[in-house]
Amino acid sequence: MVKVGLTGGIGAGKSEVSRLLASYGAVIVDADKIAREVVEPGTPGLAAVVEEFGDGVLTPEGTLDRPKLGAIVFADAEKLKALNAIVHPLVGARSAELEAAAGPDAVVVHDVPLLTENGLAPLYDLVVVVDAAPQTQLDRLVRLRGMAEDEAKARMAAQATRERRLAVADLVIDNDGPLEALEPQVRAVWERLREV
């Protein structure tokens, strides 16, 4: 088994790289998807979030109001730290279960947005960073995701700098260009991962 950490700043295109790797046969362990699962209604994770932040972070249906919680935690580093202290251990435990279920010959790609921030690079055989210039990230967040510019900048500022991410990279995928320039790079990275 080859354990790969895949990361990149918000809006860099990590999800597209993850999708391509999955199409080639990688087993994807998606930390964001797991982070949503561990705070679904009825979970201990959601109960802990409500205990920390109050009922105001719930929708009328009882699900987590992500935009409301995001507005709270991305504006206050201490509140973000409190949320991460609840969610990260739950995500780690579920990720370990999914990895253990992959076969011995699998290429397991852990899609982890906060890999750099949480010092997780040593957990992986290789770290792949999807890189894009900050202006490219901002443009994608505003234009493609419909975020307000100040919200996009706050989310970017809450993450590691581009330099810190590149410092932990074993392989870098440059995603500053158009989508069609991405696929050949991801294919080359996949071939490299199969060789390891």
N, C-alpha and C. Protein backbone atom coordinates (compact mmCIF):
# COMPACT_ATOMS: atom_id res chain seq x y z
N MET A 1 0.85 -1.18 0.00
CA MET A 1 0.00 0.00 0.00
C MET A 1 0.89 1.25 0.00
N VAL A 2 0.49 2.19 -0.83
CA VAL A 2 1.16 3.49 -0.85
C VAL A 2 0.19 4.51 -0.27
N LYS A 3 0.65 5.23 0.77
CA LYS A 3 -0.20 6.24 1.40
C LYS A 3 0.25 7.62 0.92
N VAL A 4 -0.68 8.32 0.28
CA VAL A 4 -0.39 9.62 -0.31
C VAL A 4 -1.23 10.68 0.38
N GLY A 5 -0.60 11.79 0.73
CA GLY A 5 -1.33 12.95 1.23
C GLY A 5 -1.51 13.92 0.08
N LEU A 6 -2.75 14.29 -0.20
CA LEU A 6 -3.06 15.25 -1.27
C LEU A 6 -3.60 16.51 -0.63
N THR A 7 -3.00 17.65 -0.93
CA THR A 7 -3.46 18.90 -0.34
C THR A 7 -3.32 20.04 -1.32
N GLY A 8 -3.88 21.16 -0.95
CA GLY A 8 -3.82 22.38 -1.76
C GLY A 8 -4.72 23.41 -1.12
N GLY A 9 -4.43 24.66 -1.38
CA GLY A 9 -5.26 25.73 -0.81
C GLY A 9 -6.66 25.70 -1.39
N ILE A 10 -7.58 26.33 -0.68
CA ILE A 10 -8.96 26.42 -1.15
C ILE A 10 -8.98 27.07 -2.54
N GLY A 11 -9.69 26.46 -3.47
CA GLY A 11 -9.77 27.00 -4.82
C GLY A 11 -8.61 26.62 -5.72
N ALA A 12 -7.68 25.79 -5.22
CA ALA A 12 -6.52 25.41 -6.04
C ALA A 12 -6.87 24.30 -7.03
N GLY A 13 -7.94 23.55 -6.78
CA GLY A 13 -8.35 22.49 -7.70
C GLY A 13 -8.07 21.09 -7.20
N LYS A 14 -7.86 20.96 -5.89
CA LYS A 14 -7.57 19.66 -5.29
C LYS A 14 -8.69 18.65 -5.54
N SER A 15 -9.92 19.08 -5.50
CA SER A 15 -11.06 18.16 -5.70
C SER A 15 -11.04 17.56 -7.10
N GLU A 16 -10.68 18.36 -8.08
CA GLU A 16 -10.60 17.85 -9.46
C GLU A 16 -9.46 16.84 -9.58
N VAL A 17 -8.32 17.12 -8.94
CA VAL A 17 -7.20 16.18 -8.95
C VAL A 17 -7.61 14.87 -8.28
N SER A 18 -8.31 14.98 -7.17
CA SER A 18 -8.78 13.80 -6.44
C SER A 18 -9.72 12.97 -7.33
N ARG A 19 -10.62 13.66 -8.03
CA ARG A 19 -11.56 12.97 -8.92
C ARG A 19 -10.81 12.22 -10.02
N LEU A 20 -9.80 12.86 -10.61
CA LEU A 20 -9.01 12.21 -11.66
C LEU A 20 -8.26 11.00 -11.11
N LEU A 21 -7.63 11.14 -9.95
CA LEU A 21 -6.90 10.02 -9.35
C LEU A 21 -7.84 8.84 -9.08
N ALA A 22 -9.04 9.14 -8.61
CA ALA A 22 -10.03 8.07 -8.37
C ALA A 22 -10.37 7.37 -9.68
N SER A 23 -10.47 8.13 -10.76
CA SER A 23 -10.82 7.53 -12.05
C SER A 23 -9.71 6.60 -12.56
N TYR A 24 -8.47 6.81 -12.09
CA TYR A 24 -7.36 5.95 -12.48
C TYR A 24 -7.25 4.72 -11.58
N GLY A 25 -7.96 4.72 -10.45
CA GLY A 25 -7.94 3.56 -9.57
C GLY A 25 -7.47 3.82 -8.15
N ALA A 26 -7.18 5.06 -7.81
CA ALA A 26 -6.78 5.37 -6.43
C ALA A 26 -7.97 5.20 -5.49
N VAL A 27 -7.68 4.78 -4.27
CA VAL A 27 -8.69 4.74 -3.21
C VAL A 27 -8.61 6.11 -2.53
N ILE A 28 -9.70 6.86 -2.60
CA ILE A 28 -9.70 8.22 -2.05
C ILE A 28 -10.31 8.22 -0.65
N VAL A 29 -9.58 8.80 0.28
CA VAL A 29 -10.09 9.03 1.63
C VAL A 29 -10.21 10.55 1.75
N ASP A 30 -11.43 11.05 1.61
CA ASP A 30 -11.70 12.48 1.51
C ASP A 30 -12.03 13.07 2.89
N ALA A 31 -11.09 13.82 3.44
CA ALA A 31 -11.26 14.37 4.79
C ALA A 31 -12.46 15.31 4.88
N ASP A 32 -12.71 16.11 3.83
CA ASP A 32 -13.86 17.03 3.86
C ASP A 32 -15.17 16.25 3.90
N LYS A 33 -15.26 15.19 3.08
CA LYS A 33 -16.48 14.38 3.05
C LYS A 33 -16.69 13.71 4.42
N ILE A 34 -15.61 13.19 4.98
CA ILE A 34 -15.70 12.54 6.29
C ILE A 34 -16.07 13.58 7.36
N ALA A 35 -15.52 14.78 7.23
CA ALA A 35 -15.84 15.85 8.20
C ALA A 35 -17.33 16.17 8.18
N ARG A 36 -17.97 16.04 7.02
CA ARG A 36 -19.43 16.25 6.95
C ARG A 36 -20.17 15.08 7.60
N GLU A 37 -19.67 13.86 7.34
CA GLU A 37 -20.32 12.66 7.89
C GLU A 37 -20.31 12.65 9.42
N VAL A 38 -19.18 13.07 10.02
CA VAL A 38 -19.05 12.96 11.48
C VAL A 38 -19.86 13.99 12.25
N VAL A 39 -20.51 14.93 11.51
CA VAL A 39 -21.38 15.91 12.19
C VAL A 39 -22.80 15.84 11.63
N GLU A 40 -23.18 14.67 11.09
CA GLU A 40 -24.55 14.49 10.63
C GLU A 40 -25.47 14.39 11.84
N PRO A 41 -26.77 14.66 11.66
CA PRO A 41 -27.71 14.57 12.78
C PRO A 41 -27.63 13.21 13.48
N GLY A 42 -27.64 13.26 14.80
CA GLY A 42 -27.60 12.05 15.60
C GLY A 42 -26.20 11.57 15.94
N THR A 43 -25.17 12.24 15.43
CA THR A 43 -23.80 11.80 15.71
C THR A 43 -23.26 12.49 16.96
N PRO A 44 -22.32 11.85 17.65
CA PRO A 44 -21.65 12.50 18.77
C PRO A 44 -20.93 13.78 18.33
N GLY A 45 -20.46 13.79 17.09
CA GLY A 45 -19.77 14.97 16.57
C GLY A 45 -20.67 16.19 16.54
N LEU A 46 -21.89 16.02 16.03
CA LEU A 46 -22.82 17.16 15.97
C LEU A 46 -23.19 17.60 17.38
N ALA A 47 -23.40 16.65 18.27
CA ALA A 47 -23.73 17.00 19.66
C ALA A 47 -22.62 17.84 20.28
N ALA A 48 -21.37 17.48 20.02
CA ALA A 48 -20.23 18.22 20.57
C ALA A 48 -20.14 19.62 19.97
N VAL A 49 -20.43 19.75 18.68
CA VAL A 49 -20.41 21.07 18.03
C VAL A 49 -21.49 21.97 18.63
N VAL A 50 -22.67 21.43 18.81
CA VAL A 50 -23.78 22.21 19.39
C VAL A 50 -23.46 22.60 20.83
N GLU A 51 -22.84 21.68 21.57
CA GLU A 51 -22.45 22.00 22.95
C GLU A 51 -21.46 23.17 22.98
N GLU A 52 -20.55 23.19 22.02
CA GLU A 52 -19.51 24.23 21.96
C GLU A 52 -20.04 25.57 21.43
N PHE A 53 -20.88 25.51 20.38
CA PHE A 53 -21.27 26.73 19.67
C PHE A 53 -22.74 27.12 19.85
N GLY A 54 -23.54 26.25 20.45
CA GLY A 54 -24.94 26.58 20.68
C GLY A 54 -25.85 26.13 19.55
N ASP A 55 -27.17 26.14 19.83
CA ASP A 55 -28.17 25.72 18.85
C ASP A 55 -28.23 26.61 17.62
N GLY A 56 -27.66 27.80 17.70
CA GLY A 56 -27.69 28.73 16.57
C GLY A 56 -26.95 28.24 15.34
N VAL A 57 -26.14 27.19 15.49
CA VAL A 57 -25.41 26.66 14.33
C VAL A 57 -26.19 25.53 13.64
N LEU A 58 -27.44 25.33 14.06
CA LEU A 58 -28.29 24.31 13.43
C LEU A 58 -29.33 24.97 12.52
N THR A 59 -29.69 24.25 11.46
CA THR A 59 -30.81 24.67 10.62
C THR A 59 -32.10 24.31 11.34
N PRO A 60 -33.24 24.83 10.87
CA PRO A 60 -34.52 24.42 11.48
C PRO A 60 -34.76 22.91 11.43
N GLU A 61 -34.12 22.22 10.45
CA GLU A 61 -34.28 20.76 10.32
C GLU A 61 -33.35 20.00 11.25
N GLY A 62 -32.44 20.69 11.94
CA GLY A 62 -31.55 20.03 12.88
C GLY A 62 -30.21 19.60 12.29
N THR A 63 -29.93 20.03 11.06
CA THR A 63 -28.62 19.74 10.48
C THR A 63 -27.69 20.92 10.75
N LEU A 64 -26.40 20.69 10.57
CA LEU A 64 -25.42 21.74 10.80
C LEU A 64 -25.56 22.82 9.73
N ASP A 65 -25.66 24.06 10.16
CA ASP A 65 -25.72 25.21 9.24
C ASP A 65 -24.28 25.60 8.95
N ARG A 66 -23.71 24.99 7.92
CA ARG A 66 -22.29 25.20 7.60
C ARG A 66 -21.93 26.66 7.34
N PRO A 67 -22.71 27.39 6.54
CA PRO A 67 -22.35 28.79 6.32
C PRO A 67 -22.33 29.61 7.62
N LYS A 68 -23.28 29.35 8.50
CA LYS A 68 -23.32 30.09 9.76
C LYS A 68 -22.12 29.73 10.64
N LEU A 69 -21.83 28.44 10.74
CA LEU A 69 -20.68 28.01 11.53
C LEU A 69 -19.38 28.54 10.92
N GLY A 70 -19.29 28.49 9.58
CA GLY A 70 -18.11 29.00 8.89
C GLY A 70 -17.88 30.47 9.18
N ALA A 71 -18.95 31.26 9.17
CA ALA A 71 -18.83 32.69 9.45
C ALA A 71 -18.28 32.93 10.86
N ILE A 72 -18.66 32.07 11.79
CA ILE A 72 -18.18 32.19 13.18
C ILE A 72 -16.70 31.81 13.28
N VAL A 73 -16.35 30.63 12.78
CA VAL A 73 -15.00 30.12 13.02
C VAL A 73 -13.92 30.76 12.14
N PHE A 74 -14.29 31.20 10.94
CA PHE A 74 -13.26 31.80 10.09
C PHE A 74 -13.00 33.25 10.46
N ALA A 75 -13.79 33.78 11.38
CA ALA A 75 -13.56 35.14 11.86
C ALA A 75 -12.86 35.14 13.21
N ASP A 76 -12.62 33.96 13.80
CA ASP A 76 -12.06 33.89 15.15
C ASP A 76 -11.18 32.64 15.27
N ALA A 77 -9.88 32.84 15.36
CA ALA A 77 -8.93 31.72 15.38
C ALA A 77 -9.18 30.76 16.55
N GLU A 78 -9.57 31.28 17.69
CA GLU A 78 -9.82 30.42 18.85
C GLU A 78 -11.04 29.53 18.63
N LYS A 79 -12.07 30.08 17.99
CA LYS A 79 -13.27 29.28 17.71
C LYS A 79 -12.97 28.22 16.64
N LEU A 80 -12.13 28.58 15.68
CA LEU A 80 -11.72 27.59 14.68
C LEU A 80 -10.95 26.46 15.34
N LYS A 81 -10.08 26.81 16.27
CA LYS A 81 -9.30 25.80 17.01
C LYS A 81 -10.24 24.88 17.80
N ALA A 82 -11.27 25.45 18.41
CA ALA A 82 -12.24 24.65 19.17
C ALA A 82 -12.99 23.68 18.26
N LEU A 83 -13.41 24.16 17.08
CA LEU A 83 -14.10 23.29 16.13
C LEU A 83 -13.18 22.16 15.67
N ASN A 84 -11.94 22.51 15.34
CA ASN A 84 -10.99 21.50 14.88
C ASN A 84 -10.72 20.45 15.95
N ALA A 85 -10.70 20.85 17.20
CA ALA A 85 -10.47 19.91 18.30
C ALA A 85 -11.59 18.88 18.41
N ILE A 86 -12.78 19.25 17.96
CA ILE A 86 -13.90 18.31 17.96
C ILE A 86 -13.84 17.41 16.72
N VAL A 87 -13.69 18.03 15.56
CA VAL A 87 -13.86 17.31 14.30
C VAL A 87 -12.64 16.48 13.90
N HIS A 88 -11.43 17.02 14.09
CA HIS A 88 -10.24 16.33 13.57
C HIS A 88 -10.03 14.93 14.13
N PRO A 89 -10.20 14.69 15.44
CA PRO A 89 -10.03 13.30 15.92
C PRO A 89 -11.05 12.33 15.31
N LEU A 90 -12.27 12.82 15.09
CA LEU A 90 -13.30 11.97 14.49
C LEU A 90 -12.96 11.64 13.04
N VAL A 91 -12.46 12.63 12.32
CA VAL A 91 -12.06 12.44 10.92
C VAL A 91 -10.87 11.46 10.87
N GLY A 92 -9.92 11.62 11.77
CA GLY A 92 -8.75 10.74 11.80
C GLY A 92 -9.13 9.29 12.02
N ALA A 93 -10.05 9.06 12.93
CA ALA A 93 -10.46 7.69 13.23
C ALA A 93 -11.17 7.05 12.03
N ARG A 94 -12.06 7.80 11.39
CA ARG A 94 -12.79 7.27 10.23
C ARG A 94 -11.84 7.05 9.05
N SER A 95 -10.88 7.96 8.85
CA SER A 95 -9.90 7.82 7.77
C SER A 95 -9.09 6.55 7.95
N ALA A 96 -8.70 6.26 9.18
CA ALA A 96 -7.92 5.05 9.47
C ALA A 96 -8.73 3.79 9.13
N GLU A 97 -10.03 3.82 9.43
CA GLU A 97 -10.89 2.68 9.09
C GLU A 97 -10.93 2.45 7.58
N LEU A 98 -11.09 3.53 6.81
CA LEU A 98 -11.19 3.41 5.36
C LEU A 98 -9.87 2.94 4.76
N GLU A 99 -8.76 3.44 5.29
CA GLU A 99 -7.46 3.01 4.80
C GLU A 99 -7.24 1.52 5.07
N ALA A 100 -7.62 1.08 6.26
CA ALA A 100 -7.44 -0.32 6.63
C ALA A 100 -8.25 -1.25 5.72
N ALA A 101 -9.35 -0.75 5.16
CA ALA A 101 -10.20 -1.56 4.29
C ALA A 101 -9.66 -1.67 2.86
N ALA A 102 -8.70 -0.81 2.49
CA ALA A 102 -8.11 -0.86 1.13
C ALA A 102 -7.17 -2.06 1.05
N GLY A 103 -7.00 -2.58 -0.14
CA GLY A 103 -6.13 -3.74 -0.33
C GLY A 103 -4.66 -3.40 -0.17
N PRO A 104 -3.81 -4.43 -0.01
CA PRO A 104 -2.38 -4.22 0.22
C PRO A 104 -1.66 -3.57 -0.97
N ASP A 105 -2.21 -3.69 -2.17
CA ASP A 105 -1.59 -3.09 -3.36
C ASP A 105 -2.20 -1.74 -3.72
N ALA A 106 -3.07 -1.24 -2.88
CA ALA A 106 -3.79 0.00 -3.20
C ALA A 106 -2.89 1.23 -3.10
N VAL A 107 -3.24 2.21 -3.93
CA VAL A 107 -2.70 3.57 -3.77
C VAL A 107 -3.81 4.32 -3.06
N VAL A 108 -3.58 4.62 -1.78
CA VAL A 108 -4.59 5.30 -0.96
C VAL A 108 -4.24 6.78 -0.89
N VAL A 109 -5.12 7.60 -1.44
CA VAL A 109 -4.90 9.04 -1.48
C VAL A 109 -5.78 9.69 -0.42
N HIS A 110 -5.12 10.27 0.57
CA HIS A 110 -5.83 11.01 1.62
C HIS A 110 -5.96 12.45 1.16
N ASP A 111 -7.17 12.86 0.81
CA ASP A 111 -7.46 14.22 0.36
C ASP A 111 -7.67 15.06 1.62
N VAL A 112 -6.63 15.83 2.01
CA VAL A 112 -6.62 16.52 3.30
C VAL A 112 -6.33 18.01 3.11
N PRO A 113 -7.36 18.85 3.15
CA PRO A 113 -7.15 20.28 2.95
C PRO A 113 -6.15 20.88 3.95
N LEU A 114 -6.19 20.45 5.20
CA LEU A 114 -5.36 21.07 6.24
C LEU A 114 -4.14 20.21 6.61
N LEU A 115 -3.61 19.48 5.65
CA LEU A 115 -2.46 18.62 5.87
C LEU A 115 -1.27 19.43 6.40
N THR A 116 -0.96 20.53 5.76
CA THR A 116 0.18 21.36 6.16
C THR A 116 -0.05 21.99 7.54
N GLU A 117 -1.23 22.58 7.70
CA GLU A 117 -1.56 23.28 8.94
C GLU A 117 -1.47 22.36 10.16
N ASN A 118 -1.85 21.11 9.98
CA ASN A 118 -1.88 20.16 11.10
C ASN A 118 -0.63 19.29 11.20
N GLY A 119 0.39 19.60 10.40
CA GLY A 119 1.66 18.88 10.49
C GLY A 119 1.55 17.40 10.16
N LEU A 120 0.71 17.06 9.18
CA LEU A 120 0.42 15.65 8.88
C LEU A 120 1.32 15.03 7.81
N ALA A 121 2.18 15.81 7.18
CA ALA A 121 3.02 15.29 6.09
C ALA A 121 3.78 14.01 6.45
N PRO A 122 4.33 13.89 7.68
CA PRO A 122 5.08 12.67 8.01
C PRO A 122 4.24 11.38 8.02
N LEU A 123 2.92 11.50 8.01
CA LEU A 123 2.06 10.32 8.02
C LEU A 123 1.99 9.61 6.67
N TYR A 124 2.50 10.27 5.61
CA TYR A 124 2.32 9.75 4.26
C TYR A 124 3.65 9.38 3.62
N ASP A 125 3.60 8.43 2.67
CA ASP A 125 4.79 8.05 1.91
C ASP A 125 5.20 9.19 0.98
N LEU A 126 4.20 9.86 0.42
CA LEU A 126 4.43 11.00 -0.47
C LEU A 126 3.35 12.05 -0.23
N VAL A 127 3.71 13.31 -0.40
CA VAL A 127 2.74 14.40 -0.33
C VAL A 127 2.67 15.07 -1.69
N VAL A 128 1.44 15.17 -2.22
CA VAL A 128 1.20 15.84 -3.49
C VAL A 128 0.46 17.14 -3.18
N VAL A 129 1.02 18.25 -3.68
CA VAL A 129 0.39 19.55 -3.47
C VAL A 129 -0.14 20.06 -4.80
N VAL A 130 -1.43 20.43 -4.80
CA VAL A 130 -2.03 21.09 -5.97
C VAL A 130 -1.83 22.58 -5.73
N ASP A 131 -1.10 23.20 -6.62
CA ASP A 131 -0.69 24.59 -6.43
C ASP A 131 -1.35 25.52 -7.44
N ALA A 132 -1.78 26.67 -6.93
CA ALA A 132 -2.30 27.74 -7.79
C ALA A 132 -1.94 29.05 -7.10
N ALA A 133 -1.74 30.08 -7.90
CA ALA A 133 -1.43 31.39 -7.35
C ALA A 133 -2.62 31.90 -6.53
N PRO A 134 -2.36 32.66 -5.47
CA PRO A 134 -3.45 33.19 -4.65
C PRO A 134 -4.51 33.95 -5.46
N GLN A 135 -4.09 34.69 -6.48
CA GLN A 135 -5.07 35.42 -7.29
C GLN A 135 -5.97 34.46 -8.07
N THR A 136 -5.41 33.33 -8.51
CA THR A 136 -6.19 32.31 -9.21
C THR A 136 -7.21 31.69 -8.23
N GLN A 137 -6.75 31.38 -7.02
CA GLN A 137 -7.65 30.82 -6.00
C GLN A 137 -8.81 31.79 -5.74
N LEU A 138 -8.48 33.05 -5.52
CA LEU A 138 -9.51 34.06 -5.20
C LEU A 138 -10.51 34.18 -6.34
N ASP A 139 -10.01 34.22 -7.56
CA ASP A 139 -10.89 34.32 -8.73
C ASP A 139 -11.85 33.13 -8.79
N ARG A 140 -11.33 31.92 -8.55
CA ARG A 140 -12.19 30.72 -8.61
C ARG A 140 -13.24 30.74 -7.51
N LEU A 141 -12.85 31.16 -6.31
CA LEU A 141 -13.79 31.17 -5.19
C LEU A 141 -14.92 32.16 -5.43
N VAL A 142 -14.58 33.32 -5.97
CA VAL A 142 -15.59 34.35 -6.21
C VAL A 142 -16.43 34.02 -7.44
N ARG A 143 -15.75 33.68 -8.53
CA ARG A 143 -16.43 33.48 -9.81
C ARG A 143 -17.16 32.14 -9.89
N LEU A 144 -16.50 31.06 -9.43
CA LEU A 144 -17.08 29.73 -9.59
C LEU A 144 -17.92 29.27 -8.39
N ARG A 145 -17.51 29.67 -7.19
CA ARG A 145 -18.25 29.23 -6.00
C ARG A 145 -19.20 30.29 -5.47
N GLY A 146 -19.13 31.48 -6.03
CA GLY A 146 -20.06 32.53 -5.63
C GLY A 146 -19.80 33.12 -4.25
N MET A 147 -18.57 32.97 -3.75
CA MET A 147 -18.24 33.54 -2.44
C MET A 147 -18.05 35.05 -2.56
N ALA A 148 -18.37 35.74 -1.49
CA ALA A 148 -18.03 37.15 -1.42
C ALA A 148 -16.51 37.24 -1.30
N GLU A 149 -15.91 38.28 -1.88
CA GLU A 149 -14.45 38.38 -1.90
C GLU A 149 -13.85 38.38 -0.50
N ASP A 150 -14.49 39.09 0.45
CA ASP A 150 -13.94 39.14 1.82
C ASP A 150 -14.02 37.77 2.50
N GLU A 151 -15.08 37.01 2.22
CA GLU A 151 -15.20 35.66 2.79
C GLU A 151 -14.12 34.75 2.20
N ALA A 152 -13.91 34.85 0.88
CA ALA A 152 -12.89 34.04 0.22
C ALA A 152 -11.51 34.36 0.78
N LYS A 153 -11.22 35.64 0.96
CA LYS A 153 -9.91 36.04 1.50
C LYS A 153 -9.74 35.54 2.94
N ALA A 154 -10.81 35.57 3.73
CA ALA A 154 -10.74 35.07 5.12
C ALA A 154 -10.45 33.58 5.14
N ARG A 155 -11.08 32.84 4.26
CA ARG A 155 -10.84 31.38 4.22
C ARG A 155 -9.41 31.08 3.76
N MET A 156 -8.94 31.83 2.78
CA MET A 156 -7.57 31.65 2.32
C MET A 156 -6.58 31.99 3.43
N ALA A 157 -6.85 33.06 4.17
CA ALA A 157 -5.95 33.50 5.25
C ALA A 157 -5.92 32.50 6.40
N ALA A 158 -6.98 31.71 6.57
CA ALA A 158 -7.04 30.73 7.65
C ALA A 158 -6.21 29.48 7.33
N GLN A 159 -5.75 29.37 6.08
CA GLN A 159 -4.97 28.21 5.67
C GLN A 159 -3.48 28.55 5.64
N ALA A 160 -2.67 27.51 5.50
CA ALA A 160 -1.23 27.70 5.38
C ALA A 160 -0.91 28.53 4.14
N THR A 161 0.22 29.19 4.16
CA THR A 161 0.65 29.95 2.99
C THR A 161 1.05 28.98 1.87
N ARG A 162 1.07 29.50 0.69
CA ARG A 162 1.50 28.73 -0.47
C ARG A 162 2.91 28.18 -0.24
N GLU A 163 3.78 29.00 0.31
CA GLU A 163 5.17 28.60 0.56
C GLU A 163 5.25 27.43 1.55
N ARG A 164 4.44 27.48 2.60
CA ARG A 164 4.44 26.39 3.59
C ARG A 164 3.96 25.09 2.96
N ARG A 165 2.92 25.17 2.11
CA ARG A 165 2.42 23.95 1.45
C ARG A 165 3.48 23.37 0.53
N LEU A 166 4.11 24.23 -0.28
CA LEU A 166 5.13 23.74 -1.22
C LEU A 166 6.33 23.14 -0.49
N ALA A 167 6.60 23.61 0.72
CA ALA A 167 7.74 23.10 1.50
C ALA A 167 7.55 21.64 1.91
N VAL A 168 6.31 21.15 2.02
CA VAL A 168 6.07 19.77 2.42
C VAL A 168 5.83 18.85 1.21
N ALA A 169 5.85 19.41 0.00
CA ALA A 169 5.50 18.65 -1.20
C ALA A 169 6.62 17.74 -1.67
N ASP A 170 6.26 16.51 -2.02
CA ASP A 170 7.16 15.62 -2.75
C ASP A 170 6.90 15.79 -4.24
N LEU A 171 5.63 16.00 -4.59
CA LEU A 171 5.22 16.23 -5.98
C LEU A 171 4.28 17.42 -6.01
N VAL A 172 4.43 18.26 -7.04
CA VAL A 172 3.58 19.46 -7.18
C VAL A 172 2.84 19.39 -8.51
N ILE A 173 1.55 19.65 -8.46
CA ILE A 173 0.73 19.76 -9.66
C ILE A 173 0.38 21.24 -9.80
N ASP A 174 0.81 21.86 -10.90
CA ASP A 174 0.55 23.28 -11.15
C ASP A 174 -0.83 23.41 -11.77
N ASN A 175 -1.75 24.01 -11.04
CA ASN A 175 -3.11 24.17 -11.55
C ASN A 175 -3.49 25.63 -11.69
N ASP A 176 -2.57 26.41 -12.25
CA ASP A 176 -2.86 27.81 -12.52
C ASP A 176 -3.53 28.00 -13.87
N GLY A 177 -3.45 26.98 -14.70
CA GLY A 177 -3.95 27.10 -16.06
C GLY A 177 -5.33 26.50 -16.25
N PRO A 178 -5.70 26.26 -17.50
CA PRO A 178 -7.02 25.69 -17.80
C PRO A 178 -7.10 24.21 -17.41
N LEU A 179 -8.32 23.72 -17.31
CA LEU A 179 -8.59 22.36 -16.89
C LEU A 179 -7.87 21.33 -17.78
N GLU A 180 -7.81 21.60 -19.09
CA GLU A 180 -7.18 20.62 -19.99
C GLU A 180 -5.68 20.47 -19.75
N ALA A 181 -5.06 21.44 -19.08
CA ALA A 181 -3.63 21.33 -18.76
C ALA A 181 -3.41 20.48 -17.50
N LEU A 182 -4.48 20.23 -16.76
CA LEU A 182 -4.38 19.51 -15.50
C LEU A 182 -4.24 18.00 -15.70
N GLU A 183 -5.05 17.43 -16.58
CA GLU A 183 -5.13 15.97 -16.72
C GLU A 183 -3.77 15.32 -17.02
N PRO A 184 -2.96 15.84 -17.96
CA PRO A 184 -1.67 15.19 -18.21
C PRO A 184 -0.75 15.19 -16.98
N GLN A 185 -0.82 16.25 -16.19
CA GLN A 185 0.00 16.31 -14.98
C GLN A 185 -0.45 15.27 -13.96
N VAL A 186 -1.76 15.14 -13.80
CA VAL A 186 -2.30 14.18 -12.83
C VAL A 186 -1.98 12.76 -13.29
N ARG A 187 -2.07 12.52 -14.59
CA ARG A 187 -1.74 11.19 -15.14
C ARG A 187 -0.28 10.86 -14.84
N ALA A 188 0.62 11.83 -15.00
CA ALA A 188 2.05 11.61 -14.73
C ALA A 188 2.28 11.33 -13.24
N VAL A 189 1.57 12.04 -12.38
CA VAL A 189 1.68 11.79 -10.94
C VAL A 189 1.17 10.39 -10.62
N TRP A 190 0.06 9.98 -11.24
CA TRP A 190 -0.48 8.64 -11.01
C TRP A 190 0.54 7.56 -11.40
N GLU A 191 1.19 7.74 -12.54
CA GLU A 191 2.19 6.77 -12.97
C GLU A 191 3.33 6.69 -11.96
N ARG A 192 3.71 7.82 -11.42
CA ARG A 192 4.77 7.86 -10.41
C ARG A 192 4.31 7.13 -9.14
N LEU A 193 3.08 7.33 -8.73
CA LEU A 193 2.56 6.68 -7.53
C LEU A 193 2.47 5.17 -7.72
N ARG A 194 2.16 4.72 -8.92
CA ARG A 194 2.08 3.28 -9.19
C ARG A 194 3.46 2.63 -9.12
N GLU A 195 4.51 3.43 -9.39
CA GLU A 195 5.88 2.90 -9.35
C GLU A 195 6.41 2.73 -7.94
N VAL A 196 5.87 3.51 -7.02
CA VAL A 196 6.40 3.53 -5.64
C VAL A 196 6.18 2.18 -4.96
